Amino acid sequence: MRSTRQGTKEEGSGPVGEAMYIIERNSQKGAKRPVGGEGIKVFGVAWDKEVGIVSGGEDKMVQINRGKGVTGVTT
């Protein structure tokens, strides 16, 4: 999820996008995040009340993320 804002003069005064929340890919845990998301782009995301957030990406892995203490989700 991204938000946008008007950039400063140093940023070129155009719109600037910033991540509001980031879920790290398990395949990249502990590694430095590559510029432009190279190798870790996410191509599909689905949310299910019972399962959680399911995503598939360039790393050819399906990842399931579940919130801790979220009502309706059991682990």
N, C-alpha and C. Protein backbone atom coordinates (compact mmCIF):
# COMPACT_ATOMS: atom_id res chain seq x y z
N MET A 1 0.84 -1.15 0.00
CA MET A 1 0.00 0.00 0.00
C MET A 1 0.90 1.22 0.00
N ARG A 2 0.54 2.20 -0.82
CA ARG A 2 1.36 3.40 -0.94
C ARG A 2 0.50 4.65 -0.75
N SER A 3 1.13 5.69 -0.27
CA SER A 3 0.50 7.00 -0.22
C SER A 3 1.33 7.92 -1.10
N THR A 4 0.72 8.97 -1.56
CA THR A 4 1.46 9.94 -2.37
C THR A 4 1.35 11.32 -1.72
N ARG A 5 2.37 12.11 -1.97
CA ARG A 5 2.40 13.49 -1.49
C ARG A 5 3.16 14.32 -2.51
N GLN A 6 3.03 15.61 -2.40
CA GLN A 6 3.77 16.51 -3.27
C GLN A 6 5.22 16.54 -2.81
N GLY A 7 6.14 16.35 -3.72
CA GLY A 7 7.56 16.35 -3.39
C GLY A 7 8.10 17.72 -3.08
N THR A 8 9.21 17.75 -2.37
CA THR A 8 9.89 19.00 -2.06
C THR A 8 10.70 19.44 -3.28
N LYS A 9 11.29 20.61 -3.21
CA LYS A 9 12.13 21.09 -4.31
C LYS A 9 13.29 20.13 -4.55
N GLU A 10 13.86 19.59 -3.47
CA GLU A 10 14.98 18.65 -3.60
C GLU A 10 14.56 17.36 -4.29
N GLU A 11 13.29 16.99 -4.17
CA GLU A 11 12.77 15.76 -4.78
C GLU A 11 12.20 15.99 -6.17
N GLY A 12 12.27 17.22 -6.65
CA GLY A 12 11.79 17.54 -7.99
C GLY A 12 10.38 18.09 -8.05
N SER A 13 9.77 18.35 -6.90
CA SER A 13 8.45 18.99 -6.78
C SER A 13 7.28 18.19 -7.36
N GLY A 14 7.51 17.02 -7.90
CA GLY A 14 6.43 16.18 -8.41
C GLY A 14 5.88 15.28 -7.32
N PRO A 15 4.88 14.46 -7.67
CA PRO A 15 4.34 13.54 -6.68
C PRO A 15 5.37 12.49 -6.25
N VAL A 16 5.36 12.16 -4.97
CA VAL A 16 6.29 11.18 -4.40
C VAL A 16 5.46 10.10 -3.72
N GLY A 17 5.76 8.84 -4.02
CA GLY A 17 5.06 7.73 -3.39
C GLY A 17 5.87 7.14 -2.26
N GLU A 18 5.20 6.83 -1.16
CA GLU A 18 5.87 6.24 -0.01
C GLU A 18 5.05 5.04 0.46
N ALA A 19 5.75 3.98 0.86
CA ALA A 19 5.07 2.80 1.40
C ALA A 19 4.45 3.14 2.75
N MET A 20 3.19 2.75 2.94
CA MET A 20 2.52 2.94 4.23
C MET A 20 2.79 1.75 5.14
N TYR A 21 2.94 0.59 4.54
CA TYR A 21 3.16 -0.63 5.29
C TYR A 21 3.88 -1.61 4.39
N ILE A 22 4.84 -2.33 4.94
CA ILE A 22 5.61 -3.29 4.14
C ILE A 22 5.56 -4.65 4.83
N ILE A 23 5.23 -5.68 4.06
CA ILE A 23 5.33 -7.05 4.54
C ILE A 23 6.52 -7.65 3.80
N GLU A 24 7.55 -7.99 4.55
CA GLU A 24 8.76 -8.54 3.94
C GLU A 24 8.47 -9.93 3.36
N ARG A 25 9.10 -10.25 2.25
CA ARG A 25 9.02 -11.59 1.68
C ARG A 25 9.91 -12.51 2.51
N ASN A 26 9.42 -13.69 2.85
CA ASN A 26 10.20 -14.65 3.63
C ASN A 26 11.50 -15.02 2.92
N SER A 27 11.48 -15.03 1.60
CA SER A 27 12.68 -15.40 0.84
C SER A 27 13.79 -14.36 0.97
N GLN A 28 13.48 -13.18 1.49
CA GLN A 28 14.47 -12.11 1.63
C GLN A 28 14.74 -11.73 3.07
N LYS A 29 14.26 -12.50 4.05
CA LYS A 29 14.44 -12.16 5.47
C LYS A 29 15.91 -11.92 5.78
N GLY A 30 16.17 -10.79 6.40
CA GLY A 30 17.52 -10.46 6.83
C GLY A 30 18.40 -9.87 5.74
N ALA A 31 17.98 -9.96 4.49
CA ALA A 31 18.78 -9.42 3.38
C ALA A 31 18.41 -7.96 3.15
N LYS A 32 19.33 -7.23 2.58
CA LYS A 32 19.08 -5.84 2.22
C LYS A 32 18.05 -5.81 1.10
N ARG A 33 17.07 -4.92 1.20
CA ARG A 33 16.03 -4.81 0.18
C ARG A 33 16.64 -4.26 -1.11
N PRO A 34 16.51 -4.99 -2.22
CA PRO A 34 17.11 -4.54 -3.47
C PRO A 34 16.43 -3.30 -4.03
N VAL A 35 17.16 -2.50 -4.75
CA VAL A 35 16.64 -1.30 -5.39
C VAL A 35 15.56 -1.70 -6.38
N GLY A 36 14.43 -1.02 -6.33
CA GLY A 36 13.34 -1.29 -7.26
C GLY A 36 12.66 -2.63 -7.05
N GLY A 37 12.92 -3.29 -5.92
CA GLY A 37 12.28 -4.56 -5.63
C GLY A 37 12.76 -5.70 -6.51
N GLU A 38 13.92 -5.57 -7.11
CA GLU A 38 14.43 -6.58 -8.03
C GLU A 38 14.47 -7.95 -7.37
N GLY A 39 13.75 -8.92 -7.95
CA GLY A 39 13.73 -10.29 -7.45
C GLY A 39 12.68 -10.57 -6.40
N ILE A 40 11.98 -9.53 -5.90
CA ILE A 40 10.98 -9.76 -4.85
C ILE A 40 9.64 -9.11 -5.16
N LYS A 41 9.38 -8.80 -6.42
CA LYS A 41 8.11 -8.17 -6.77
C LYS A 41 6.96 -9.14 -6.48
N VAL A 42 5.86 -8.60 -5.98
CA VAL A 42 4.67 -9.39 -5.70
C VAL A 42 3.69 -9.17 -6.84
N PHE A 43 3.19 -10.28 -7.42
CA PHE A 43 2.30 -10.20 -8.57
C PHE A 43 0.83 -10.40 -8.22
N GLY A 44 0.55 -10.98 -7.07
CA GLY A 44 -0.84 -11.19 -6.68
C GLY A 44 -0.98 -11.27 -5.18
N VAL A 45 -2.08 -10.68 -4.67
CA VAL A 45 -2.37 -10.68 -3.24
C VAL A 45 -3.85 -10.95 -3.06
N ALA A 46 -4.18 -11.81 -2.09
CA ALA A 46 -5.57 -12.07 -1.74
C ALA A 46 -5.67 -12.08 -0.22
N TRP A 47 -6.76 -11.55 0.29
CA TRP A 47 -6.99 -11.56 1.72
C TRP A 47 -8.18 -12.44 2.01
N ASP A 48 -8.05 -13.31 2.99
CA ASP A 48 -9.13 -14.19 3.40
C ASP A 48 -9.23 -14.12 4.92
N LYS A 49 -10.43 -13.99 5.42
CA LYS A 49 -10.66 -13.85 6.86
C LYS A 49 -10.09 -15.03 7.64
N GLU A 50 -10.20 -16.23 7.10
CA GLU A 50 -9.73 -17.43 7.81
C GLU A 50 -8.25 -17.71 7.59
N VAL A 51 -7.72 -17.40 6.41
CA VAL A 51 -6.34 -17.77 6.05
C VAL A 51 -5.37 -16.65 6.36
N GLY A 52 -5.69 -15.44 5.99
CA GLY A 52 -4.80 -14.30 6.17
C GLY A 52 -4.48 -13.67 4.82
N ILE A 53 -3.33 -13.04 4.71
CA ILE A 53 -2.91 -12.41 3.45
C ILE A 53 -2.05 -13.41 2.70
N VAL A 54 -2.49 -13.77 1.50
CA VAL A 54 -1.78 -14.74 0.67
C VAL A 54 -1.21 -13.98 -0.52
N SER A 55 0.10 -14.16 -0.76
CA SER A 55 0.72 -13.46 -1.89
C SER A 55 1.64 -14.41 -2.65
N GLY A 56 1.78 -14.12 -3.94
CA GLY A 56 2.70 -14.86 -4.79
C GLY A 56 3.53 -13.86 -5.57
N GLY A 57 4.80 -14.19 -5.76
CA GLY A 57 5.64 -13.20 -6.40
C GLY A 57 6.73 -13.76 -7.27
N GLU A 58 7.62 -12.85 -7.62
CA GLU A 58 8.74 -13.14 -8.50
C GLU A 58 9.68 -14.20 -7.92
N ASP A 59 9.65 -14.37 -6.60
CA ASP A 59 10.49 -15.40 -5.98
C ASP A 59 9.91 -16.81 -6.14
N LYS A 60 8.77 -16.90 -6.85
CA LYS A 60 8.09 -18.18 -7.16
C LYS A 60 7.67 -18.92 -5.90
N MET A 61 7.28 -18.15 -4.89
CA MET A 61 6.83 -18.73 -3.63
C MET A 61 5.47 -18.14 -3.26
N VAL A 62 4.64 -18.96 -2.63
CA VAL A 62 3.38 -18.48 -2.06
C VAL A 62 3.66 -18.21 -0.59
N GLN A 63 3.26 -17.04 -0.13
CA GLN A 63 3.52 -16.66 1.26
C GLN A 63 2.20 -16.33 1.92
N ILE A 64 2.01 -16.81 3.15
CA ILE A 64 0.82 -16.51 3.93
C ILE A 64 1.25 -15.74 5.16
N ASN A 65 0.65 -14.57 5.35
CA ASN A 65 0.93 -13.74 6.52
C ASN A 65 -0.34 -13.64 7.34
N ARG A 66 -0.21 -13.87 8.64
CA ARG A 66 -1.34 -13.79 9.54
C ARG A 66 -1.03 -12.79 10.64
N GLY A 67 -2.02 -12.00 10.98
CA GLY A 67 -1.84 -11.05 12.07
C GLY A 67 -1.90 -11.75 13.41
N LYS A 68 -1.17 -11.26 14.36
CA LYS A 68 -1.20 -11.80 15.73
C LYS A 68 -2.28 -11.08 16.51
N GLY A 69 -3.14 -11.84 17.15
CA GLY A 69 -4.21 -11.26 17.96
C GLY A 69 -5.36 -10.70 17.13
N VAL A 70 -5.46 -11.11 15.87
CA VAL A 70 -6.54 -10.63 15.01
C VAL A 70 -7.75 -11.55 15.19
N THR A 71 -8.92 -10.95 15.43
CA THR A 71 -10.14 -11.71 15.64
C THR A 71 -10.47 -12.53 14.41
N GLY A 72 -10.84 -13.79 14.61
CA GLY A 72 -11.27 -14.64 13.51
C GLY A 72 -10.14 -15.43 12.86
N VAL A 73 -8.91 -15.17 13.22
CA VAL A 73 -7.78 -15.90 12.62
C VAL A 73 -7.18 -16.81 13.67
N THR A 74 -7.08 -18.09 13.35
CA THR A 74 -6.45 -19.02 14.27
C THR A 74 -5.14 -19.49 13.69
N THR A 75 -4.16 -19.70 14.55
CA THR A 75 -2.87 -20.15 14.07
C THR A 75 -2.52 -21.51 14.62
